[in-house]
Amino acid sequence: MSTNVPKSYLDLARSVIDTRIGAAKGVSRDDAIFGLISCTYVYSYSALLSFCSAQLYLIWTKDHSNLRQKYPSSQSFEHLMAGPLRGIKHAVKELNIQSGIQPLHEEEPKLWQTLNEFLTNYRNFFLHPNPELFNQYVGKTSNLQWQFPSKTVSEILAYIFKNTAGEVPNWVNETSLIAHGFEIKNI
């Protein structure tokens, strides 16, 4: 089985947002909408993290790896990703450096700012929500474009591919997964 994990996660993030939600009259769709918004954040984050991890792993395993030389206290790739490169912003920065491209935060500061907003939303609204501020979080997040998380990740991946390979694979900007929808039942 050959699986492109970042593509799979990004496809899922996009498909849940483009899903119809059917509900009987009088049945609230709020829970389903929140669930779909949270899925697009979780799977978009997973797409970016898995992409960075896979690319950094390829660099780590090369003979005379600059990445291993830079982080000599990391005895394994797992330690590197759980320690010095634990934060996704650190992983993106290091991938840019190791790939020989201008760091995203310097070359595309608006996109870096968007990444920061995406990560703040992911952490504050879905990963570690504060119950006292939950309704405020949900309101703020739902006011953004629903494609905000997947679009942010797509733009970061496009930047990396364009600057390393010269072209952006179709899957970065297009999805191959279509969801036909969910039907909410009253329980």
Protein backbone atom coordinates (compact mmCIF):
# COMPACT_ATOMS: atom_id res chain seq x y z
CA MET A 1 0.00 0.00 0.00
CA SER A 2 1.46 3.33 -1.06
CA THR A 3 -0.06 6.19 0.90
CA ASN A 4 0.70 9.86 0.65
CA VAL A 5 -0.17 10.68 4.26
CA PRO A 6 -0.10 14.51 3.99
CA LYS A 7 -2.32 14.33 0.89
CA SER A 8 -4.74 11.97 2.65
CA TYR A 9 -5.05 14.28 5.65
CA LEU A 10 -5.44 17.37 3.48
CA ASP A 11 -8.06 15.61 1.34
CA LEU A 12 -10.01 14.74 4.47
CA ALA A 13 -9.74 18.29 5.84
CA ARG A 14 -11.15 19.68 2.58
CA SER A 15 -13.86 17.07 2.13
CA VAL A 16 -15.47 17.53 5.54
CA ILE A 17 -15.81 21.25 4.91
CA ASP A 18 -17.43 20.71 1.52
CA THR A 19 -19.97 18.30 3.01
CA ARG A 20 -23.72 18.81 3.07
CA ILE A 21 -25.39 18.43 6.43
CA GLY A 22 -28.96 17.27 6.33
CA ALA A 23 -31.21 17.45 9.36
CA ALA A 24 -34.86 16.93 10.10
CA LYS A 25 -36.87 20.06 10.84
CA GLY A 26 -36.19 21.29 14.34
CA VAL A 27 -32.93 19.34 14.74
CA SER A 28 -29.92 21.57 15.48
CA ARG A 29 -26.95 21.33 13.16
CA ASP A 30 -24.63 23.26 15.52
CA ASP A 31 -22.87 20.19 16.93
CA ALA A 32 -22.26 18.77 13.47
CA ILE A 33 -20.97 22.08 12.15
CA PHE A 34 -18.58 22.42 15.09
CA GLY A 35 -17.44 18.82 14.57
CA LEU A 36 -16.70 19.46 10.89
CA ILE A 37 -14.83 22.69 11.63
CA SER A 38 -12.74 20.88 14.24
CA CYS A 39 -12.00 18.09 11.73
CA THR A 40 -10.65 20.53 9.19
CA TYR A 41 -8.31 21.99 11.81
CA VAL A 42 -7.15 18.62 13.11
CA TYR A 43 -6.57 17.10 9.66
CA SER A 44 -4.97 20.24 8.23
CA TYR A 45 -2.56 20.31 11.18
CA SER A 46 -1.89 16.59 10.68
CA ALA A 47 -1.18 17.17 6.98
CA LEU A 48 1.44 19.82 7.69
CA LEU A 49 3.03 17.90 10.55
CA SER A 50 3.24 14.64 8.61
CA PHE A 51 4.72 16.42 5.59
CA CYS A 52 7.42 18.13 7.68
CA SER A 53 8.16 14.91 9.57
CA ALA A 54 8.50 12.85 6.38
CA GLN A 55 10.76 15.40 4.69
CA LEU A 56 12.90 15.91 7.78
CA TYR A 57 13.19 12.13 8.23
CA LEU A 58 14.60 11.81 4.70
CA ILE A 59 17.19 14.46 5.56
CA TRP A 60 17.93 12.83 8.95
CA THR A 61 18.66 9.42 7.41
CA LYS A 62 21.17 10.66 4.82
CA ASP A 63 24.83 9.87 5.36
CA HIS A 64 26.58 12.82 7.04
CA SER A 65 23.21 14.47 7.67
CA ASN A 66 23.39 18.18 8.39
CA LEU A 67 20.29 17.76 10.53
CA ARG A 68 21.96 15.16 12.77
CA GLN A 69 25.07 17.32 12.98
CA LYS A 70 23.00 20.36 13.97
CA TYR A 71 21.20 18.45 16.75
CA PRO A 72 23.86 16.08 18.14
CA SER A 73 21.99 15.64 21.45
CA SER A 74 19.08 14.02 19.59
CA GLN A 75 19.89 10.32 19.59
CA SER A 76 16.96 9.43 17.33
CA PHE A 77 14.59 11.08 14.91
CA GLU A 78 11.77 10.56 17.40
CA HIS A 79 13.76 12.48 20.02
CA LEU A 80 14.39 15.29 17.53
CA MET A 81 10.68 15.62 16.73
CA ALA A 82 9.66 15.34 20.39
CA GLY A 83 12.34 17.77 21.54
CA PRO A 84 13.99 20.51 19.47
CA LEU A 85 11.49 20.33 16.59
CA ARG A 86 8.38 19.56 18.66
CA GLY A 87 6.59 22.73 17.59
CA ILE A 88 5.35 22.71 14.03
CA LYS A 89 6.75 26.20 13.43
CA HIS A 90 10.20 24.92 14.43
CA ALA A 91 9.77 21.98 12.05
CA VAL A 92 8.72 24.26 9.16
CA LYS A 93 11.67 26.61 9.81
CA GLU A 94 14.14 23.74 10.00
CA LEU A 95 12.76 22.11 6.86
CA ASN A 96 13.22 25.40 5.00
CA ILE A 97 16.81 25.70 6.24
CA GLN A 98 17.68 22.07 5.48
CA SER A 99 16.09 22.35 2.02
CA GLY A 100 18.14 25.44 1.23
CA ILE A 101 15.18 27.77 0.77
CA GLN A 102 14.44 31.14 2.27
CA PRO A 103 12.57 30.65 5.57
CA LEU A 104 8.83 31.11 5.22
CA HIS A 105 8.65 33.71 7.99
CA GLU A 106 11.14 35.91 6.08
CA GLU A 107 9.94 35.34 2.52
CA GLU A 108 6.18 35.21 3.13
CA PRO A 109 5.50 37.07 6.41
CA LYS A 110 1.73 37.27 5.77
CA LEU A 111 1.57 33.51 5.28
CA TRP A 112 3.64 33.04 8.46
CA GLN A 113 1.16 35.27 10.30
CA THR A 114 -1.69 33.15 8.91
CA LEU A 115 0.09 30.02 10.16
CA ASN A 116 0.33 31.60 13.61
CA GLU A 117 -3.41 32.37 13.57
CA PHE A 118 -4.18 28.83 12.43
CA LEU A 119 -2.04 27.35 15.22
CA THR A 120 -3.56 29.65 17.84
CA ASN A 121 -7.05 28.64 16.77
CA TYR A 122 -6.07 24.96 16.74
CA ARG A 123 -4.62 25.15 20.24
CA ASN A 124 -7.16 27.47 21.88
CA PHE A 125 -10.35 26.30 20.23
CA PHE A 126 -9.89 22.58 19.67
CA LEU A 127 -6.86 21.14 21.44
CA HIS A 128 -7.08 22.93 24.82
CA PRO A 129 -10.39 24.81 24.87
CA ASN A 130 -11.10 27.01 27.85
CA PRO A 131 -14.69 26.22 28.96
CA GLU A 132 -15.25 29.80 30.12
CA LEU A 133 -14.36 31.18 26.70
CA PHE A 134 -15.69 28.32 24.57
CA ASN A 135 -18.62 30.19 22.98
CA GLN A 136 -16.33 33.11 22.15
CA TYR A 137 -13.83 30.67 20.57
CA VAL A 138 -16.49 28.97 18.50
CA GLY A 139 -17.85 32.31 17.33
CA LYS A 140 -14.40 33.58 16.34
CA THR A 141 -13.51 30.39 14.50
CA SER A 142 -16.82 30.11 12.67
CA ASN A 143 -16.42 33.69 11.41
CA LEU A 144 -13.33 32.64 9.45
CA GLN A 145 -13.65 30.99 6.07
CA TRP A 146 -14.25 27.31 6.63
CA GLN A 147 -11.36 26.54 4.27
CA PHE A 148 -8.98 28.67 6.38
CA PRO A 149 -7.05 25.70 7.89
CA SER A 150 -6.69 23.65 4.70
CA LYS A 151 -5.96 26.74 2.60
CA THR A 152 -3.22 27.80 5.04
CA VAL A 153 -1.56 24.39 4.88
CA SER A 154 -1.91 24.22 1.09
CA GLU A 155 -0.18 27.59 0.71
CA ILE A 156 2.71 26.51 2.97
CA LEU A 157 3.16 23.24 1.10
CA ALA A 158 2.98 25.09 -2.23
CA TYR A 159 5.72 27.47 -1.03
CA ILE A 160 7.97 24.57 -0.07
CA PHE A 161 7.35 22.57 -3.26
CA LYS A 162 7.75 25.60 -5.53
CA ASN A 163 11.07 26.51 -3.93
CA THR A 164 12.49 22.97 -3.73
CA ALA A 165 11.07 21.07 -6.70
CA GLY A 166 10.12 23.98 -8.97
CA GLU A 167 6.53 22.83 -9.28
CA VAL A 168 3.58 22.17 -7.01
CA PRO A 169 1.87 18.77 -7.19
CA ASN A 170 -1.84 18.93 -8.02
CA TRP A 171 -2.87 17.39 -4.70
CA VAL A 172 -1.54 20.42 -2.82
CA ASN A 173 -4.27 22.65 -4.28
CA GLU A 174 -6.90 20.14 -5.39
CA THR A 175 -8.66 17.35 -3.55
CA SER A 176 -9.39 13.85 -4.77
CA LEU A 177 -11.86 13.07 -1.98
CA ILE A 178 -15.49 14.09 -2.09
CA ALA A 179 -17.89 13.52 0.80
CA HIS A 180 -21.57 13.38 -0.09
CA GLY A 181 -22.76 14.53 3.29
CA PHE A 182 -24.06 13.64 6.70
CA GLU A 183 -27.57 13.20 7.94
CA ILE A 184 -28.20 14.21 11.52
CA LYS A 185 -30.60 12.03 13.42
CA ASN A 186 -32.42 13.05 16.55
CA ILE A 187 -31.30 11.05 19.60
